Amino acid sequence: MSILDMDERLVELSEQFDLVYSPLVDCKEFPEQVDITLIEGSVSSDEDDRKIRAVRARTRILVSLGDCAVTGNVPAMRNSIPVPELLDWVYKGNGLLQEQVPADRLPLCCRVCDRYTK
């Protein structure tokens, strides 16, 4: 958001680069040989992990922007809690009517948390 807050200066700056991948560009695959990539947000799923590894492999300079991209911020707080304990805390004992951990659609974050906390 800080970059977008540059308003009209962003338009002037855009004359100095080509935007090749973003939600604003209809590009399905991250291109090869990118000079600079700006990353925001945390790695919270297997898909995020796959994407960031491809981005890193194809980028000369990778710049992380914001707390989530740099430190993991709030999403990373769950990393210190073992996944089964986290799921029990979230889905059981919080006054829910049907206290149960979802079995058919487990949150994607759980596989990533397990990988990085073992």
C-alpha atoms as a PDB file:
ATOM      1  CA  MET A   1       0.000   0.000   0.000  1.00  0.00           C
ATOM      2  CA  SER A   2       2.904   2.365   0.657  1.00  0.00           C
ATOM      3  CA  ILE A   3       3.987   2.065  -2.957  1.00  0.00           C
ATOM      4  CA  LEU A   4       0.480   2.822  -4.195  1.00  0.00           C
ATOM      5  CA  ASP A   5       0.406   5.855  -1.897  1.00  0.00           C
ATOM      6  CA  MET A   6       3.014   7.423  -4.169  1.00  0.00           C
ATOM      7  CA  ASP A   7       0.071   8.500  -6.365  1.00  0.00           C
ATOM      8  CA  GLU A   8       1.137  10.454  -9.457  1.00  0.00           C
ATOM      9  CA  ARG A   9       4.841   9.855  -8.753  1.00  0.00           C
ATOM     10  CA  LEU A  10       4.156   6.187  -9.445  1.00  0.00           C
ATOM     11  CA  VAL A  11       2.991   7.073 -12.954  1.00  0.00           C
ATOM     12  CA  GLU A  12       6.222   8.957 -13.578  1.00  0.00           C
ATOM     13  CA  LEU A  13       8.273   6.093 -12.137  1.00  0.00           C
ATOM     14  CA  SER A  14       6.424   3.554 -14.293  1.00  0.00           C
ATOM     15  CA  GLU A  15       8.124   5.027 -17.357  1.00  0.00           C
ATOM     16  CA  GLN A  16      11.368   3.499 -16.057  1.00  0.00           C
ATOM     17  CA  PHE A  17      10.248  -0.157 -15.896  1.00  0.00           C
ATOM     18  CA  ASP A  18       8.059  -2.828 -17.460  1.00  0.00           C
ATOM     19  CA  LEU A  19       5.496  -4.458 -15.207  1.00  0.00           C
ATOM     20  CA  VAL A  20       5.635  -8.130 -16.214  1.00  0.00           C
ATOM     21  CA  TYR A  21       3.772  -9.917 -13.416  1.00  0.00           C
ATOM     22  CA  SER A  22       1.148  -8.804 -10.896  1.00  0.00           C
ATOM     23  CA  PRO A  23      -2.585  -9.099 -10.232  1.00  0.00           C
ATOM     24  CA  LEU A  24      -2.830  -6.176 -12.669  1.00  0.00           C
ATOM     25  CA  VAL A  25      -1.193  -8.108 -15.536  1.00  0.00           C
ATOM     26  CA  ASP A  26      -2.825 -11.063 -17.282  1.00  0.00           C
ATOM     27  CA  CYS A  27       0.251 -13.271 -16.946  1.00  0.00           C
ATOM     28  CA  LYS A  28      -0.288 -16.788 -15.590  1.00  0.00           C
ATOM     29  CA  GLU A  29       3.357 -17.811 -15.134  1.00  0.00           C
ATOM     30  CA  PHE A  30       6.119 -15.784 -13.504  1.00  0.00           C
ATOM     31  CA  PRO A  31       8.563 -14.878 -16.296  1.00  0.00           C
ATOM     32  CA  GLU A  32      12.227 -15.876 -16.519  1.00  0.00           C
ATOM     33  CA  GLN A  33      15.065 -13.407 -15.934  1.00  0.00           C
ATOM     34  CA  VAL A  34      13.302 -10.632 -14.025  1.00  0.00           C
ATOM     35  CA  ASP A  35      15.628  -7.892 -12.777  1.00  0.00           C
ATOM     36  CA  ILE A  36      13.703  -6.756  -9.683  1.00  0.00           C
ATOM     37  CA  THR A  37      10.708  -8.285  -7.908  1.00  0.00           C
ATOM     38  CA  LEU A  38       8.798  -6.643  -5.065  1.00  0.00           C
ATOM     39  CA  ILE A  39       7.152  -9.133  -2.702  1.00  0.00           C
ATOM     40  CA  GLU A  40       4.534  -8.469  -0.036  1.00  0.00           C
ATOM     41  CA  GLY A  41       2.588 -10.864   2.153  1.00  0.00           C
ATOM     42  CA  SER A  42       3.627 -14.039   3.921  1.00  0.00           C
ATOM     43  CA  VAL A  43       4.129 -17.607   2.751  1.00  0.00           C
ATOM     44  CA  SER A  44       1.021 -19.261   4.197  1.00  0.00           C
ATOM     45  CA  SER A  45       0.302 -22.235   1.934  1.00  0.00           C
ATOM     46  CA  ASP A  46       1.979 -24.823  -0.258  1.00  0.00           C
ATOM     47  CA  GLU A  47       0.989 -22.734  -3.282  1.00  0.00           C
ATOM     48  CA  ASP A  48       2.637 -19.621  -1.767  1.00  0.00           C
ATOM     49  CA  ASP A  49       5.772 -21.667  -1.097  1.00  0.00           C
ATOM     50  CA  ARG A  50       5.882 -22.942  -4.692  1.00  0.00           C
ATOM     51  CA  LYS A  51       5.382 -19.437  -6.082  1.00  0.00           C
ATOM     52  CA  ILE A  52       8.019 -17.714  -3.967  1.00  0.00           C
ATOM     53  CA  ARG A  53      10.612 -20.377  -4.816  1.00  0.00           C
ATOM     54  CA  ALA A  54       9.928 -19.888  -8.535  1.00  0.00           C
ATOM     55  CA  VAL A  55      10.077 -16.110  -8.124  1.00  0.00           C
ATOM     56  CA  ARG A  56      13.394 -16.314  -6.256  1.00  0.00           C
ATOM     57  CA  ALA A  57      14.881 -18.627  -8.903  1.00  0.00           C
ATOM     58  CA  ARG A  58      13.863 -16.276 -11.727  1.00  0.00           C
ATOM     59  CA  THR A  59      14.684 -12.922 -10.104  1.00  0.00           C
ATOM     60  CA  ARG A  60      18.022 -11.150  -9.884  1.00  0.00           C
ATOM     61  CA  ILE A  61      17.006  -8.831  -6.998  1.00  0.00           C
ATOM     62  CA  LEU A  62      14.140  -9.741  -4.643  1.00  0.00           C
ATOM     63  CA  VAL A  63      12.812  -6.999  -2.353  1.00  0.00           C
ATOM     64  CA  SER A  64      10.500  -7.887   0.541  1.00  0.00           C
ATOM     65  CA  LEU A  65       8.093  -5.123   1.522  1.00  0.00           C
ATOM     66  CA  GLY A  66       6.127  -4.970   4.756  1.00  0.00           C
ATOM     67  CA  ASP A  67       6.133  -6.907   7.999  1.00  0.00           C
ATOM     68  CA  CYS A  68       4.499 -10.047   6.597  1.00  0.00           C
ATOM     69  CA  ALA A  69       7.065 -10.475   3.813  1.00  0.00           C
ATOM     70  CA  VAL A  70      10.036  -9.646   6.026  1.00  0.00           C
ATOM     71  CA  THR A  71       9.203 -11.312   9.356  1.00  0.00           C
ATOM     72  CA  GLY A  72       5.991 -13.245   8.786  1.00  0.00           C
ATOM     73  CA  ASN A  73       4.204 -10.851  11.182  1.00  0.00           C
ATOM     74  CA  VAL A  74       0.798 -12.031  12.486  1.00  0.00           C
ATOM     75  CA  PRO A  75       0.520 -15.133  10.218  1.00  0.00           C
ATOM     76  CA  ALA A  76       3.893 -16.355  11.552  1.00  0.00           C
ATOM     77  CA  MET A  77       2.657 -16.289  15.151  1.00  0.00           C
ATOM     78  CA  ARG A  78       1.081 -19.686  14.560  1.00  0.00           C
ATOM     79  CA  ASN A  79       4.467 -21.206  13.672  1.00  0.00           C
ATOM     80  CA  SER A  80       5.481 -21.704  17.307  1.00  0.00           C
ATOM     81  CA  ILE A  81       2.356 -23.762  18.041  1.00  0.00           C
ATOM     82  CA  PRO A  82       2.299 -27.436  16.971  1.00  0.00           C
ATOM     83  CA  VAL A  83      -0.344 -27.860  14.248  1.00  0.00           C
ATOM     84  CA  PRO A  84      -2.601 -30.320  16.136  1.00  0.00           C
ATOM     85  CA  GLU A  85      -2.620 -27.997  19.168  1.00  0.00           C
ATOM     86  CA  LEU A  86      -3.329 -24.994  16.930  1.00  0.00           C
ATOM     87  CA  LEU A  87      -6.251 -26.743  15.224  1.00  0.00           C
ATOM     88  CA  ASP A  88      -7.715 -27.857  18.563  1.00  0.00           C
ATOM     89  CA  TRP A  89      -7.421 -24.311  19.909  1.00  0.00           C
ATOM     90  CA  VAL A  90      -9.070 -22.774  16.830  1.00  0.00           C
ATOM     91  CA  TYR A  91     -11.822 -25.341  16.203  1.00  0.00           C
ATOM     92  CA  LYS A  92     -12.528 -26.724  19.675  1.00  0.00           C
ATOM     93  CA  GLY A  93     -13.242 -25.145  23.034  1.00  0.00           C
ATOM     94  CA  ASN A  94     -14.062 -21.669  21.744  1.00  0.00           C
ATOM     95  CA  GLY A  95     -17.778 -21.906  22.328  1.00  0.00           C
ATOM     96  CA  LEU A  96     -18.540 -23.218  18.862  1.00  0.00           C
ATOM     97  CA  LEU A  97     -21.713 -25.249  18.446  1.00  0.00           C
ATOM     98  CA  GLN A  98     -19.979 -28.044  16.546  1.00  0.00           C
ATOM     99  CA  GLU A  99     -16.530 -28.355  18.074  1.00  0.00           C
ATOM    100  CA  GLN A 100     -14.545 -30.359  15.537  1.00  0.00           C
ATOM    101  CA  VAL A 101     -11.490 -29.961  13.360  1.00  0.00           C
ATOM    102  CA  PRO A 102     -12.539 -29.942   9.681  1.00  0.00           C
ATOM    103  CA  ALA A 103     -11.615 -33.244   8.077  1.00  0.00           C
ATOM    104  CA  ASP A 104     -12.607 -32.683   4.468  1.00  0.00           C
ATOM    105  CA  ARG A 105     -10.920 -29.291   3.922  1.00  0.00           C
ATOM    106  CA  LEU A 106      -8.001 -28.814   6.255  1.00  0.00           C
ATOM    107  CA  PRO A 107      -6.593 -25.260   6.051  1.00  0.00           C
ATOM    108  CA  LEU A 108      -3.635 -25.142   3.663  1.00  0.00           C
ATOM    109  CA  CYS A 109      -1.497 -23.355   6.236  1.00  0.00           C
ATOM    110  CA  CYS A 110      -1.216 -26.496   8.316  1.00  0.00           C
ATOM    111  CA  ARG A 111       1.055 -28.330   5.893  1.00  0.00           C
ATOM    112  CA  VAL A 112       3.334 -25.291   5.590  1.00  0.00           C
ATOM    113  CA  CYS A 113       3.437 -24.777   9.379  1.00  0.00           C
ATOM    114  CA  ASP A 114       4.388 -28.403   9.872  1.00  0.00           C
ATOM    115  CA  ARG A 115       7.196 -28.169   7.323  1.00  0.00           C
ATOM    116  CA  TYR A 116       8.822 -25.113   8.908  1.00  0.00           C
ATOM    117  CA  THR A 117       8.370 -25.935  12.590  1.00  0.00           C
ATOM    118  CA  LYS A 118       9.823 -29.446  12.662  1.00  0.00           C
END
